[in-house]
Amino acid sequence: MTSHTSESTRSITGSSGSDRAFFLLRTVFVIAPIAFGLDKFAEVLTEWDRYLAPWINDIVPGNAHQAMLAVGVIEIVAGIAVAVIPRYGALLVAAWLAAIIVNLVSMGEYYDVALRDFGLLVGALALAALAFDRNRRAA
C-alpha cells in the first residue's frame, strides 16, 4: 500500500522530491532578490544605508544611498538571472550573499543577519547543484 501511496503522490505532483526542491528554491531565489532589490528604492522594509560598511562606502563612488541603489539593481538582475538560467543565477546569488556577509561581519555588527545570509547562501548553492543536475539529466 505504501508504494501505491507514493505512486499516487508522484502522479499528483508530477515530479520527484528533487524537482520540487528545485522549484521551491528557484521560486525563493527569484522573488527574494527582486523584492529586496526593489526595496532598496522604496525603503519599506528598512533603511538599507546603515548596512553598508564604512570602508566599502569609502571606496565606492557616491554616498551610501547611491551605493544601495546600485546594490538594488544588482539584486534585481540576480533574481532575473535565477529565473532565466538558474544554474548560473544561483551561483551569482551565492557570490552576492558572500559579499554581503563579508560586508556585515567587517562592520562588527549585524551578525544575526550575516548568519541568516549564510543560510541563504547554502540554499543558493543547493539550487545551483540541483540546476546543474537537472541540466545533466536533460542532456
N, C-alpha and C. Protein backbone atom coordinates (compact mmCIF):
# COMPACT_ATOMS: atom_id res chain seq x y z
N MET A 1 0.82 -1.19 0.00
CA MET A 1 0.00 0.00 0.00
C MET A 1 0.86 1.25 0.00
N THR A 2 2.02 1.17 0.64
CA THR A 2 2.91 2.31 0.68
C THR A 2 3.36 2.71 -0.72
N SER A 3 3.69 1.72 -1.56
CA SER A 3 4.11 2.05 -2.92
C SER A 3 2.98 2.68 -3.71
N HIS A 4 1.73 2.24 -3.44
CA HIS A 4 0.58 2.84 -4.13
C HIS A 4 0.43 4.30 -3.72
N THR A 5 0.64 4.59 -2.42
CA THR A 5 0.55 5.97 -1.94
C THR A 5 1.62 6.84 -2.59
N SER A 6 2.85 6.33 -2.65
CA SER A 6 3.91 7.13 -3.26
C SER A 6 3.67 7.30 -4.75
N GLU A 7 3.12 6.26 -5.40
CA GLU A 7 2.79 6.37 -6.83
C GLU A 7 1.74 7.44 -7.07
N SER A 8 0.68 7.45 -6.23
CA SER A 8 -0.37 8.45 -6.43
C SER A 8 0.13 9.84 -6.09
N THR A 9 0.99 9.94 -5.10
CA THR A 9 1.57 11.25 -4.77
C THR A 9 2.42 11.75 -5.93
N ARG A 10 3.21 10.87 -6.50
CA ARG A 10 4.06 11.25 -7.64
C ARG A 10 3.21 11.69 -8.82
N SER A 11 2.11 11.00 -9.08
CA SER A 11 1.28 11.39 -10.21
C SER A 11 0.56 12.71 -9.97
N ILE A 12 0.24 12.99 -8.70
CA ILE A 12 -0.42 14.26 -8.39
C ILE A 12 0.55 15.42 -8.61
N THR A 13 1.76 15.27 -8.12
CA THR A 13 2.74 16.36 -8.24
C THR A 13 3.44 16.33 -9.58
N GLY A 14 3.56 15.16 -10.16
CA GLY A 14 4.21 15.04 -11.46
C GLY A 14 5.71 15.23 -11.40
N SER A 15 6.29 15.11 -10.21
CA SER A 15 7.74 15.35 -10.12
C SER A 15 8.32 14.62 -8.91
N SER A 16 9.64 14.54 -8.91
CA SER A 16 10.35 13.92 -7.80
C SER A 16 10.60 14.95 -6.71
N GLY A 17 11.12 14.48 -5.59
CA GLY A 17 11.46 15.39 -4.50
C GLY A 17 12.50 16.42 -4.92
N SER A 18 13.47 16.00 -5.71
CA SER A 18 14.48 16.97 -6.16
C SER A 18 13.87 18.00 -7.11
N ASP A 19 12.88 17.58 -7.90
CA ASP A 19 12.20 18.55 -8.76
C ASP A 19 11.43 19.57 -7.94
N ARG A 20 10.75 19.10 -6.89
CA ARG A 20 10.01 20.02 -6.03
C ARG A 20 10.96 20.95 -5.28
N ALA A 21 12.07 20.40 -4.79
CA ALA A 21 13.06 21.23 -4.10
C ALA A 21 13.62 22.30 -5.04
N PHE A 22 13.91 21.90 -6.26
CA PHE A 22 14.40 22.85 -7.26
C PHE A 22 13.39 23.96 -7.47
N PHE A 23 12.12 23.59 -7.65
CA PHE A 23 11.07 24.58 -7.88
C PHE A 23 10.95 25.55 -6.70
N LEU A 24 10.95 25.01 -5.48
CA LEU A 24 10.84 25.86 -4.28
C LEU A 24 12.02 26.82 -4.16
N LEU A 25 13.23 26.28 -4.28
CA LEU A 25 14.43 27.12 -4.17
C LEU A 25 14.49 28.15 -5.29
N ARG A 26 14.15 27.74 -6.48
CA ARG A 26 14.17 28.68 -7.61
C ARG A 26 13.17 29.81 -7.38
N THR A 27 11.99 29.47 -6.90
CA THR A 27 10.98 30.49 -6.62
C THR A 27 11.48 31.50 -5.59
N VAL A 28 12.05 30.99 -4.50
CA VAL A 28 12.55 31.87 -3.44
C VAL A 28 13.68 32.77 -3.96
N PHE A 29 14.60 32.19 -4.75
CA PHE A 29 15.75 32.97 -5.19
C PHE A 29 15.48 33.82 -6.43
N VAL A 30 14.28 33.75 -6.95
CA VAL A 30 13.83 34.74 -7.93
C VAL A 30 13.14 35.88 -7.19
N ILE A 31 12.20 35.52 -6.32
CA ILE A 31 11.38 36.53 -5.65
C ILE A 31 12.18 37.36 -4.65
N ALA A 32 12.94 36.71 -3.77
CA ALA A 32 13.63 37.44 -2.69
C ALA A 32 14.63 38.49 -3.22
N PRO A 33 15.55 38.14 -4.11
CA PRO A 33 16.47 39.18 -4.58
C PRO A 33 15.76 40.34 -5.28
N ILE A 34 14.73 40.02 -6.06
CA ILE A 34 14.00 41.10 -6.75
C ILE A 34 13.27 41.96 -5.73
N ALA A 35 12.63 41.34 -4.75
CA ALA A 35 11.92 42.10 -3.72
C ALA A 35 12.88 42.98 -2.90
N PHE A 36 14.01 42.39 -2.48
CA PHE A 36 14.98 43.19 -1.72
C PHE A 36 15.59 44.28 -2.60
N GLY A 37 15.83 43.96 -3.86
CA GLY A 37 16.37 44.97 -4.77
C GLY A 37 15.42 46.13 -4.96
N LEU A 38 14.15 45.83 -5.17
CA LEU A 38 13.15 46.91 -5.32
C LEU A 38 13.03 47.73 -4.04
N ASP A 39 13.17 47.05 -2.89
CA ASP A 39 13.05 47.78 -1.63
C ASP A 39 14.21 48.73 -1.39
N LYS A 40 15.31 48.53 -2.07
CA LYS A 40 16.41 49.50 -1.95
C LYS A 40 15.96 50.87 -2.43
N PHE A 41 14.98 50.89 -3.34
CA PHE A 41 14.44 52.14 -3.86
C PHE A 41 13.28 52.65 -3.01
N ALA A 42 12.49 51.75 -2.45
CA ALA A 42 11.30 52.14 -1.69
C ALA A 42 11.57 52.30 -0.20
N GLU A 43 12.54 51.56 0.34
CA GLU A 43 12.88 51.55 1.76
C GLU A 43 11.66 51.32 2.65
N VAL A 44 10.86 50.33 2.29
CA VAL A 44 9.71 49.95 3.10
C VAL A 44 10.16 49.03 4.24
N LEU A 45 11.05 48.09 3.94
CA LEU A 45 11.48 47.10 4.93
C LEU A 45 12.45 47.67 5.96
N THR A 46 13.37 48.50 5.52
CA THR A 46 14.38 49.06 6.42
C THR A 46 15.10 50.22 5.74
N GLU A 47 15.94 50.89 6.49
CA GLU A 47 16.83 51.90 5.92
C GLU A 47 18.14 51.20 5.57
N TRP A 48 18.30 50.85 4.32
CA TRP A 48 19.38 49.98 3.88
C TRP A 48 20.77 50.59 4.03
N ASP A 49 20.86 51.90 4.01
CA ASP A 49 22.18 52.57 4.06
C ASP A 49 22.97 52.16 5.30
N ARG A 50 22.29 51.88 6.40
CA ARG A 50 23.00 51.55 7.64
C ARG A 50 23.71 50.20 7.59
N TYR A 51 23.38 49.38 6.59
CA TYR A 51 24.02 48.07 6.46
C TYR A 51 25.28 48.10 5.59
N LEU A 52 25.67 49.26 5.16
CA LEU A 52 26.88 49.37 4.32
C LEU A 52 28.08 49.70 5.21
N ALA A 53 29.08 48.84 5.16
CA ALA A 53 30.29 49.06 5.96
C ALA A 53 30.96 50.36 5.54
N PRO A 54 31.45 51.14 6.51
CA PRO A 54 32.10 52.41 6.18
C PRO A 54 33.26 52.26 5.20
N TRP A 55 34.03 51.20 5.32
CA TRP A 55 35.18 51.02 4.42
C TRP A 55 34.72 50.80 2.98
N ILE A 56 33.56 50.17 2.80
CA ILE A 56 33.02 50.00 1.45
C ILE A 56 32.47 51.32 0.94
N ASN A 57 31.80 52.04 1.82
CA ASN A 57 31.28 53.36 1.45
C ASN A 57 32.42 54.29 1.00
N ASP A 58 33.59 54.13 1.62
CA ASP A 58 34.75 54.97 1.26
C ASP A 58 35.32 54.65 -0.12
N ILE A 59 35.13 53.40 -0.60
CA ILE A 59 35.75 53.04 -1.88
C ILE A 59 34.79 53.07 -3.06
N VAL A 60 33.48 53.10 -2.80
CA VAL A 60 32.52 53.17 -3.91
C VAL A 60 32.23 54.62 -4.23
N PRO A 61 31.94 54.91 -5.49
CA PRO A 61 31.62 56.30 -5.84
C PRO A 61 30.28 56.71 -5.22
N GLY A 62 30.15 57.98 -4.93
CA GLY A 62 28.90 58.49 -4.38
C GLY A 62 28.78 58.23 -2.88
N ASN A 63 27.55 58.29 -2.41
CA ASN A 63 27.31 58.08 -0.98
C ASN A 63 26.66 56.71 -0.75
N ALA A 64 26.37 56.41 0.53
CA ALA A 64 25.83 55.10 0.89
C ALA A 64 24.48 54.86 0.21
N HIS A 65 23.64 55.87 0.12
CA HIS A 65 22.34 55.70 -0.50
C HIS A 65 22.49 55.35 -1.99
N GLN A 66 23.36 56.04 -2.67
CA GLN A 66 23.59 55.73 -4.09
C GLN A 66 24.16 54.33 -4.26
N ALA A 67 25.04 53.93 -3.34
CA ALA A 67 25.59 52.58 -3.39
C ALA A 67 24.49 51.54 -3.20
N MET A 68 23.57 51.81 -2.30
CA MET A 68 22.47 50.87 -2.07
C MET A 68 21.51 50.81 -3.26
N LEU A 69 21.38 51.89 -3.97
CA LEU A 69 20.57 51.84 -5.20
C LEU A 69 21.24 50.94 -6.23
N ALA A 70 22.56 51.03 -6.33
CA ALA A 70 23.30 50.14 -7.24
C ALA A 70 23.16 48.68 -6.78
N VAL A 71 23.22 48.47 -5.47
CA VAL A 71 23.02 47.13 -4.91
C VAL A 71 21.64 46.61 -5.30
N GLY A 72 20.64 47.47 -5.23
CA GLY A 72 19.28 47.08 -5.62
C GLY A 72 19.21 46.62 -7.05
N VAL A 73 19.88 47.31 -7.93
CA VAL A 73 19.90 46.92 -9.34
C VAL A 73 20.56 45.55 -9.50
N ILE A 74 21.68 45.36 -8.81
CA ILE A 74 22.39 44.07 -8.88
C ILE A 74 21.49 42.95 -8.37
N GLU A 75 20.77 43.19 -7.29
CA GLU A 75 19.89 42.15 -6.74
C GLU A 75 18.75 41.82 -7.70
N ILE A 76 18.20 42.82 -8.34
CA ILE A 76 17.13 42.58 -9.32
C ILE A 76 17.67 41.74 -10.48
N VAL A 77 18.85 42.09 -10.97
CA VAL A 77 19.48 41.33 -12.06
C VAL A 77 19.75 39.89 -11.61
N ALA A 78 20.20 39.71 -10.37
CA ALA A 78 20.48 38.36 -9.86
C ALA A 78 19.19 37.53 -9.82
N GLY A 79 18.10 38.12 -9.38
CA GLY A 79 16.82 37.39 -9.36
C GLY A 79 16.37 37.00 -10.75
N ILE A 80 16.53 37.91 -11.68
CA ILE A 80 16.17 37.60 -13.08
C ILE A 80 17.07 36.50 -13.63
N ALA A 81 18.36 36.55 -13.28
CA ALA A 81 19.29 35.52 -13.74
C ALA A 81 18.88 34.14 -13.21
N VAL A 82 18.41 34.06 -11.96
CA VAL A 82 17.95 32.78 -11.42
C VAL A 82 16.74 32.30 -12.22
N ALA A 83 15.85 33.21 -12.59
CA ALA A 83 14.66 32.83 -13.36
C ALA A 83 15.03 32.30 -14.74
N VAL A 84 16.02 32.92 -15.37
CA VAL A 84 16.36 32.60 -16.76
C VAL A 84 17.36 31.45 -16.86
N ILE A 85 18.44 31.53 -16.10
CA ILE A 85 19.47 30.49 -16.12
C ILE A 85 19.82 30.12 -14.66
N PRO A 86 18.99 29.30 -14.04
CA PRO A 86 19.12 29.06 -12.60
C PRO A 86 20.48 28.52 -12.15
N ARG A 87 21.13 27.72 -12.97
CA ARG A 87 22.42 27.17 -12.51
C ARG A 87 23.46 28.25 -12.34
N TYR A 88 23.48 29.24 -13.20
CA TYR A 88 24.45 30.33 -13.06
C TYR A 88 23.89 31.47 -12.21
N GLY A 89 22.61 31.70 -12.30
CA GLY A 89 21.98 32.72 -11.47
C GLY A 89 22.13 32.40 -9.99
N ALA A 90 21.96 31.12 -9.64
CA ALA A 90 22.12 30.71 -8.24
C ALA A 90 23.55 30.93 -7.76
N LEU A 91 24.52 30.69 -8.62
CA LEU A 91 25.92 30.96 -8.24
C LEU A 91 26.16 32.45 -8.08
N LEU A 92 25.54 33.26 -8.92
CA LEU A 92 25.63 34.72 -8.77
C LEU A 92 25.04 35.16 -7.43
N VAL A 93 23.87 34.62 -7.08
CA VAL A 93 23.24 34.96 -5.80
C VAL A 93 24.13 34.51 -4.64
N ALA A 94 24.71 33.32 -4.73
CA ALA A 94 25.60 32.82 -3.67
C ALA A 94 26.81 33.74 -3.50
N ALA A 95 27.41 34.14 -4.60
CA ALA A 95 28.56 35.05 -4.53
C ALA A 95 28.14 36.40 -3.93
N TRP A 96 26.98 36.87 -4.32
CA TRP A 96 26.48 38.15 -3.81
C TRP A 96 26.23 38.05 -2.30
N LEU A 97 25.65 36.94 -1.86
CA LEU A 97 25.43 36.74 -0.43
C LEU A 97 26.75 36.66 0.33
N ALA A 98 27.76 36.05 -0.27
CA ALA A 98 29.08 36.00 0.37
C ALA A 98 29.63 37.41 0.56
N ALA A 99 29.45 38.26 -0.45
CA ALA A 99 29.90 39.65 -0.35
C ALA A 99 29.14 40.40 0.75
N ILE A 100 27.84 40.15 0.85
CA ILE A 100 27.04 40.78 1.89
C ILE A 100 27.53 40.34 3.27
N ILE A 101 27.83 39.05 3.41
CA ILE A 101 28.32 38.52 4.68
C ILE A 101 29.64 39.19 5.07
N VAL A 102 30.56 39.30 4.13
CA VAL A 102 31.84 39.96 4.40
C VAL A 102 31.59 41.41 4.83
N ASN A 103 30.71 42.10 4.12
CA ASN A 103 30.37 43.47 4.47
C ASN A 103 29.86 43.56 5.90
N LEU A 104 28.90 42.71 6.27
CA LEU A 104 28.29 42.78 7.59
C LEU A 104 29.27 42.40 8.70
N VAL A 105 30.02 41.33 8.49
CA VAL A 105 30.96 40.89 9.52
C VAL A 105 32.06 41.93 9.71
N SER A 106 32.49 42.56 8.62
CA SER A 106 33.54 43.58 8.73
C SER A 106 33.08 44.81 9.51
N MET A 107 31.78 44.99 9.62
CA MET A 107 31.25 46.11 10.40
C MET A 107 31.31 45.82 11.90
N GLY A 108 31.44 44.55 12.26
CA GLY A 108 31.46 44.18 13.66
C GLY A 108 30.07 44.20 14.29
N GLU A 109 29.05 44.14 13.46
CA GLU A 109 27.67 44.08 13.95
C GLU A 109 26.81 43.37 12.91
N TYR A 110 25.55 43.21 13.23
CA TYR A 110 24.60 42.53 12.35
C TYR A 110 25.01 41.08 12.09
N TYR A 111 25.61 40.45 13.11
CA TYR A 111 26.00 39.04 12.96
C TYR A 111 24.78 38.15 12.72
N ASP A 112 23.64 38.52 13.30
CA ASP A 112 22.43 37.73 13.09
C ASP A 112 22.01 37.74 11.62
N VAL A 113 22.12 38.88 10.99
CA VAL A 113 21.77 38.99 9.57
C VAL A 113 22.80 38.23 8.73
N ALA A 114 24.07 38.33 9.12
CA ALA A 114 25.12 37.61 8.40
C ALA A 114 24.89 36.10 8.49
N LEU A 115 24.48 35.61 9.65
CA LEU A 115 24.21 34.19 9.81
C LEU A 115 23.01 33.77 8.96
N ARG A 116 21.98 34.58 8.94
CA ARG A 116 20.82 34.30 8.09
C ARG A 116 21.24 34.25 6.62
N ASP A 117 22.06 35.21 6.22
CA ASP A 117 22.52 35.24 4.83
C ASP A 117 23.41 34.05 4.50
N PHE A 118 24.13 33.52 5.50
CA PHE A 118 24.90 32.30 5.28
C PHE A 118 23.97 31.13 4.96
N GLY A 119 22.87 31.04 5.68
CA GLY A 119 21.87 30.00 5.38
C GLY A 119 21.31 30.16 3.98
N LEU A 120 21.05 31.40 3.58
CA LEU A 120 20.57 31.66 2.22
C LEU A 120 21.64 31.29 1.19
N LEU A 121 22.90 31.58 1.50
CA LEU A 121 24.00 31.22 0.60
C LEU A 121 24.03 29.71 0.38
N VAL A 122 23.88 28.93 1.45
CA VAL A 122 23.86 27.47 1.32
C VAL A 122 22.66 27.04 0.48
N GLY A 123 21.51 27.69 0.66
CA GLY A 123 20.34 27.39 -0.15
C GLY A 123 20.58 27.69 -1.62
N ALA A 124 21.25 28.79 -1.90
CA ALA A 124 21.57 29.15 -3.29
C ALA A 124 22.52 28.12 -3.90
N LEU A 125 23.48 27.64 -3.12
CA LEU A 125 24.38 26.61 -3.62
C LEU A 125 23.63 25.30 -3.87
N ALA A 126 22.65 24.99 -3.01
CA ALA A 126 21.84 23.80 -3.22
C ALA A 126 21.03 23.94 -4.51
N LEU A 127 20.50 25.13 -4.76
CA LEU A 127 19.77 25.37 -6.01
C LEU A 127 20.70 25.18 -7.21
N ALA A 128 21.90 25.70 -7.13
CA ALA A 128 22.86 25.54 -8.24
C ALA A 128 23.15 24.06 -8.47
N ALA A 129 23.35 23.30 -7.39
CA ALA A 129 23.63 21.86 -7.53
C ALA A 129 22.46 21.15 -8.20
N LEU A 130 21.25 21.46 -7.76
CA LEU A 130 20.06 20.85 -8.38
C LEU A 130 19.92 21.27 -9.84
N ALA A 131 20.21 22.52 -10.13
CA ALA A 131 20.09 23.02 -11.51
C ALA A 131 21.11 22.35 -12.42
N PHE A 132 22.34 22.21 -11.97
CA PHE A 132 23.35 21.52 -12.79
C PHE A 132 22.97 20.06 -13.00
N ASP A 133 22.41 19.42 -11.96
CA ASP A 133 21.98 18.03 -12.07
C ASP A 133 20.84 17.90 -13.07
N ARG A 134 19.88 18.82 -13.04
CA ARG A 134 18.76 18.79 -13.98
C ARG A 134 19.26 18.97 -15.41
N ASN A 135 20.26 19.83 -15.57
CA ASN A 135 20.83 20.07 -16.88
C ASN A 135 21.48 18.80 -17.43
N ARG A 136 22.19 18.07 -16.57
CA ARG A 136 22.84 16.82 -16.99
C ARG A 136 21.80 15.76 -17.35
N ARG A 137 20.71 15.68 -16.55
CA ARG A 137 19.67 14.68 -16.82
C ARG A 137 18.94 14.98 -18.13
N ALA A 138 18.80 16.26 -18.45
CA ALA A 138 18.09 16.64 -19.67
C ALA A 138 18.94 16.38 -20.92
N ALA A 139 20.25 16.36 -20.76
CA ALA A 139 21.15 16.20 -21.92
C ALA A 139 21.22 14.75 -22.38
